[in-house]
Amino acid sequence: MFVDASDARLVAEQHIWAATNDTIHNSSDGQAFNAINGPSFTWKEIWPAIGSKFGAFLPANGMFSSDFMVSKAMADKGGVWKEIVVKQGLVVTEMEDLANWSFLDVVFRCPVKMLGTRDKADQLGFPTTYETLDSILYWIDAMRNEKLIP
């Protein structure tokens, strides 16, 4: 299933752009814009790169199981996370503060296409786009730099 993503940096930049663009700011029609990175993607396309970032091998084919639920797999891993935090010298956090497993089950299993368009913002001159994989890898590095994840 193809989906869209929105990098927090893009969302912030688009808000600033819209608030400071005289044509949009002075408009009385209450314009709204989708804040979408750019091209849509499938999780299947980017999981191998995410796995590689963490030093895990993920096969390109056959890596999804229709009965696998992230929330169930992670339900009893809080103690393991605490061990990782200590061993890696990470900021003390609860695993649930970093990931919402039930939300990920919905995102990874969404039964409908979740595609928006950024055409309106593009046509009005908003220039910023992000490749979703680059965004994810950027935020992994940012979380590592903040010692939130190993």
C-alpha atoms as a PDB file:
ATOM      1  CA  MET A   1       0.000   0.000   0.000  1.00  0.00           C
ATOM      2  CA  PHE A   2       1.349   3.414  -0.944  1.00  0.00           C
ATOM      3  CA  VAL A   3       1.281   6.058   1.783  1.00  0.00           C
ATOM      4  CA  ASP A   4       2.504   9.595   2.385  1.00  0.00           C
ATOM      5  CA  ALA A   5       4.658  10.918   5.187  1.00  0.00           C
ATOM      6  CA  SER A   6       5.293  14.328   6.681  1.00  0.00           C
ATOM      7  CA  ASP A   7       8.625  15.285   8.217  1.00  0.00           C
ATOM      8  CA  ALA A   8       8.206  17.561  11.244  1.00  0.00           C
ATOM      9  CA  ARG A   9      10.760  19.941   9.720  1.00  0.00           C
ATOM     10  CA  LEU A  10       8.645  20.252   6.576  1.00  0.00           C
ATOM     11  CA  VAL A  11       5.469  20.842   8.583  1.00  0.00           C
ATOM     12  CA  ALA A  12       7.168  23.602  10.593  1.00  0.00           C
ATOM     13  CA  GLU A  13       8.682  25.215   7.511  1.00  0.00           C
ATOM     14  CA  GLN A  14       5.351  25.115   5.679  1.00  0.00           C
ATOM     15  CA  HIS A  15       3.577  26.770   8.625  1.00  0.00           C
ATOM     16  CA  ILE A  16       6.151  29.552   8.664  1.00  0.00           C
ATOM     17  CA  TRP A  17       5.925  29.916   4.873  1.00  0.00           C
ATOM     18  CA  ALA A  18       2.126  30.160   4.973  1.00  0.00           C
ATOM     19  CA  ALA A  19       2.148  32.627   7.898  1.00  0.00           C
ATOM     20  CA  THR A  20       4.686  34.918   6.222  1.00  0.00           C
ATOM     21  CA  ASN A  21       3.467  34.685   2.619  1.00  0.00           C
ATOM     22  CA  ASP A  22       1.488  37.873   2.030  1.00  0.00           C
ATOM     23  CA  THR A  23      -0.817  36.318  -0.574  1.00  0.00           C
ATOM     24  CA  ILE A  24      -1.766  33.494   1.766  1.00  0.00           C
ATOM     25  CA  HIS A  25      -1.582  35.410   5.050  1.00  0.00           C
ATOM     26  CA  ASN A  26      -3.822  38.238   3.823  1.00  0.00           C
ATOM     27  CA  SER A  27      -6.311  35.868   2.209  1.00  0.00           C
ATOM     28  CA  SER A  28      -9.756  35.734   3.781  1.00  0.00           C
ATOM     29  CA  ASP A  29     -10.639  32.244   2.594  1.00  0.00           C
ATOM     30  CA  GLY A  30      -8.844  30.345   5.397  1.00  0.00           C
ATOM     31  CA  GLN A  31      -6.589  28.298   3.177  1.00  0.00           C
ATOM     32  CA  ALA A  32      -5.333  24.943   4.379  1.00  0.00           C
ATOM     33  CA  PHE A  33      -2.464  22.918   2.969  1.00  0.00           C
ATOM     34  CA  ASN A  34      -1.410  19.299   3.116  1.00  0.00           C
ATOM     35  CA  ALA A  35       2.126  19.028   4.501  1.00  0.00           C
ATOM     36  CA  ILE A  36       3.477  16.035   2.613  1.00  0.00           C
ATOM     37  CA  ASN A  37       7.148  15.190   2.094  1.00  0.00           C
ATOM     38  CA  GLY A  38       6.911  14.438  -1.585  1.00  0.00           C
ATOM     39  CA  PRO A  39       6.585  11.144  -3.433  1.00  0.00           C
ATOM     40  CA  SER A  40       4.487   8.417  -1.846  1.00  0.00           C
ATOM     41  CA  PHE A  41       6.167   5.198  -0.754  1.00  0.00           C
ATOM     42  CA  THR A  42       5.530   1.692   0.494  1.00  0.00           C
ATOM     43  CA  TRP A  43       6.955   0.389   3.746  1.00  0.00           C
ATOM     44  CA  LYS A  44       8.211  -2.639   1.845  1.00  0.00           C
ATOM     45  CA  GLU A  45      10.483  -0.321  -0.190  1.00  0.00           C
ATOM     46  CA  ILE A  46      12.161   1.309   2.776  1.00  0.00           C
ATOM     47  CA  TRP A  47      12.271  -1.333   5.533  1.00  0.00           C
ATOM     48  CA  PRO A  48      15.535  -2.870   4.261  1.00  0.00           C
ATOM     49  CA  ALA A  49      17.291   0.524   4.529  1.00  0.00           C
ATOM     50  CA  ILE A  50      15.890   1.123   8.019  1.00  0.00           C
ATOM     51  CA  GLY A  51      16.995  -2.361   9.055  1.00  0.00           C
ATOM     52  CA  SER A  52      20.462  -1.708   7.656  1.00  0.00           C
ATOM     53  CA  LYS A  53      20.661   1.525   9.663  1.00  0.00           C
ATOM     54  CA  PHE A  54      20.194  -0.576  12.805  1.00  0.00           C
ATOM     55  CA  GLY A  55      22.532  -3.333  11.624  1.00  0.00           C
ATOM     56  CA  ALA A  56      19.730  -5.806  10.936  1.00  0.00           C
ATOM     57  CA  PHE A  57      19.256  -7.743   7.722  1.00  0.00           C
ATOM     58  CA  LEU A  58      15.753  -7.614   6.332  1.00  0.00           C
ATOM     59  CA  PRO A  59      14.919  -9.635   3.226  1.00  0.00           C
ATOM     60  CA  ALA A  60      13.457  -7.576   0.401  1.00  0.00           C
ATOM     61  CA  ASN A  61      10.687 -10.116  -0.205  1.00  0.00           C
ATOM     62  CA  GLY A  62       8.521 -11.976   2.241  1.00  0.00           C
ATOM     63  CA  MET A  63       9.275  -9.753   5.218  1.00  0.00           C
ATOM     64  CA  PHE A  64       5.643  -9.037   6.054  1.00  0.00           C
ATOM     65  CA  SER A  65       3.398 -11.461   7.867  1.00  0.00           C
ATOM     66  CA  SER A  66      -0.326 -10.882   7.813  1.00  0.00           C
ATOM     67  CA  ASP A  67      -0.679 -12.036  11.418  1.00  0.00           C
ATOM     68  CA  PHE A  68       2.243 -10.098  12.941  1.00  0.00           C
ATOM     69  CA  MET A  69       1.189  -7.279  15.268  1.00  0.00           C
ATOM     70  CA  VAL A  70       3.844  -4.887  16.547  1.00  0.00           C
ATOM     71  CA  SER A  71       1.798  -4.146  19.668  1.00  0.00           C
ATOM     72  CA  LYS A  72       1.691  -7.828  20.623  1.00  0.00           C
ATOM     73  CA  ALA A  73       5.364  -8.416  19.829  1.00  0.00           C
ATOM     74  CA  MET A  74       6.440  -5.436  21.936  1.00  0.00           C
ATOM     75  CA  ALA A  75       3.937  -5.844  24.802  1.00  0.00           C
ATOM     76  CA  ASP A  76       6.397  -7.607  27.113  1.00  0.00           C
ATOM     77  CA  LYS A  77       9.628  -5.881  26.023  1.00  0.00           C
ATOM     78  CA  GLY A  78       9.676  -3.014  28.549  1.00  0.00           C
ATOM     79  CA  GLY A  79      12.245  -4.809  30.722  1.00  0.00           C
ATOM     80  CA  VAL A  80      14.466  -5.509  27.725  1.00  0.00           C
ATOM     81  CA  TRP A  81      14.295  -1.811  26.809  1.00  0.00           C
ATOM     82  CA  LYS A  82      15.375  -0.840  30.338  1.00  0.00           C
ATOM     83  CA  GLU A  83      18.403  -3.141  30.002  1.00  0.00           C
ATOM     84  CA  ILE A  84      19.291  -1.566  26.643  1.00  0.00           C
ATOM     85  CA  VAL A  85      18.997   1.937  28.145  1.00  0.00           C
ATOM     86  CA  VAL A  86      21.452   1.038  30.927  1.00  0.00           C
ATOM     87  CA  LYS A  87      23.860  -0.915  28.720  1.00  0.00           C
ATOM     88  CA  GLN A  88      23.973   1.791  26.023  1.00  0.00           C
ATOM     89  CA  GLY A  89      24.006   4.780  28.405  1.00  0.00           C
ATOM     90  CA  LEU A  90      20.808   6.211  26.974  1.00  0.00           C
ATOM     91  CA  VAL A  91      18.503   8.805  28.462  1.00  0.00           C
ATOM     92  CA  VAL A  92      16.182   6.979  30.826  1.00  0.00           C
ATOM     93  CA  THR A  93      12.854   6.653  29.046  1.00  0.00           C
ATOM     94  CA  GLU A  94      10.001   4.243  28.963  1.00  0.00           C
ATOM     95  CA  MET A  95       9.750   2.415  25.674  1.00  0.00           C
ATOM     96  CA  GLU A  96       6.171   3.657  25.268  1.00  0.00           C
ATOM     97  CA  ASP A  97       7.431   7.251  25.388  1.00  0.00           C
ATOM     98  CA  LEU A  98       9.317   6.626  22.144  1.00  0.00           C
ATOM     99  CA  ALA A  99       6.878   4.494  20.169  1.00  0.00           C
ATOM    100  CA  ASN A 100       3.153   3.922  20.023  1.00  0.00           C
ATOM    101  CA  TRP A 101       2.965   0.286  18.969  1.00  0.00           C
ATOM    102  CA  SER A 102      -0.813   0.230  18.408  1.00  0.00           C
ATOM    103  CA  PHE A 103      -0.531   3.254  16.134  1.00  0.00           C
ATOM    104  CA  LEU A 104       2.206   1.481  14.167  1.00  0.00           C
ATOM    105  CA  ASP A 105      -0.073  -1.527  13.710  1.00  0.00           C
ATOM    106  CA  VAL A 106      -2.603   0.811  12.086  1.00  0.00           C
ATOM    107  CA  VAL A 107       0.005   2.609   9.965  1.00  0.00           C
ATOM    108  CA  PHE A 108       1.602  -0.594   8.699  1.00  0.00           C
ATOM    109  CA  ARG A 109      -1.736  -2.298   8.027  1.00  0.00           C
ATOM    110  CA  CYS A 110      -3.845   0.561   6.728  1.00  0.00           C
ATOM    111  CA  PRO A 111      -6.469  -1.049   4.473  1.00  0.00           C
ATOM    112  CA  VAL A 112      -6.976   2.066   2.337  1.00  0.00           C
ATOM    113  CA  LYS A 113      -4.648   4.296   0.392  1.00  0.00           C
ATOM    114  CA  MET A 114      -3.557   7.273   2.473  1.00  0.00           C
ATOM    115  CA  LEU A 115      -2.486   9.616  -0.271  1.00  0.00           C
ATOM    116  CA  GLY A 116      -2.856  13.345  -0.201  1.00  0.00           C
ATOM    117  CA  THR A 117      -1.585  15.966  -2.550  1.00  0.00           C
ATOM    118  CA  ARG A 118       0.749  18.830  -1.957  1.00  0.00           C
ATOM    119  CA  ASP A 119      -0.166  20.398  -5.299  1.00  0.00           C
ATOM    120  CA  LYS A 120      -1.801  23.494  -3.784  1.00  0.00           C
ATOM    121  CA  ALA A 121       1.264  24.432  -1.721  1.00  0.00           C
ATOM    122  CA  ASP A 122       3.553  23.625  -4.665  1.00  0.00           C
ATOM    123  CA  GLN A 123       1.512  25.832  -7.014  1.00  0.00           C
ATOM    124  CA  LEU A 124       1.726  28.704  -4.536  1.00  0.00           C
ATOM    125  CA  GLY A 125       5.501  28.382  -4.356  1.00  0.00           C
ATOM    126  CA  PHE A 126       6.291  26.245  -1.317  1.00  0.00           C
ATOM    127  CA  PRO A 127       9.678  24.786  -2.276  1.00  0.00           C
ATOM    128  CA  THR A 128      10.552  22.213   0.374  1.00  0.00           C
ATOM    129  CA  THR A 129      10.299  18.471  -0.196  1.00  0.00           C
ATOM    130  CA  TYR A 130      11.828  15.528   1.619  1.00  0.00           C
ATOM    131  CA  GLU A 131      12.348  11.942   0.575  1.00  0.00           C
ATOM    132  CA  THR A 132      10.625   9.917   3.280  1.00  0.00           C
ATOM    133  CA  LEU A 133      13.487   7.458   3.733  1.00  0.00           C
ATOM    134  CA  ASP A 134      15.906  10.375   4.155  1.00  0.00           C
ATOM    135  CA  SER A 135      13.530  11.856   6.769  1.00  0.00           C
ATOM    136  CA  ILE A 136      13.339   8.610   8.706  1.00  0.00           C
ATOM    137  CA  LEU A 137      17.108   8.137   8.639  1.00  0.00           C
ATOM    138  CA  TYR A 138      17.610  11.776   9.702  1.00  0.00           C
ATOM    139  CA  TRP A 139      15.317  11.308  12.723  1.00  0.00           C
ATOM    140  CA  ILE A 140      17.012   8.038  13.655  1.00  0.00           C
ATOM    141  CA  ASP A 141      20.327   9.923  13.704  1.00  0.00           C
ATOM    142  CA  ALA A 142      18.751  12.780  15.688  1.00  0.00           C
ATOM    143  CA  MET A 143      17.384  10.347  18.281  1.00  0.00           C
ATOM    144  CA  ARG A 144      20.767   8.658  18.477  1.00  0.00           C
ATOM    145  CA  ASN A 145      22.491  12.002  18.977  1.00  0.00           C
ATOM    146  CA  GLU A 146      20.082  12.772  21.809  1.00  0.00           C
ATOM    147  CA  LYS A 147      20.857   9.332  23.293  1.00  0.00           C
ATOM    148  CA  LEU A 148      17.235   8.250  23.049  1.00  0.00           C
ATOM    149  CA  ILE A 149      17.982   5.134  20.981  1.00  0.00           C
ATOM    150  CA  PRO A 150      21.162   3.076  20.439  1.00  0.00           C
END
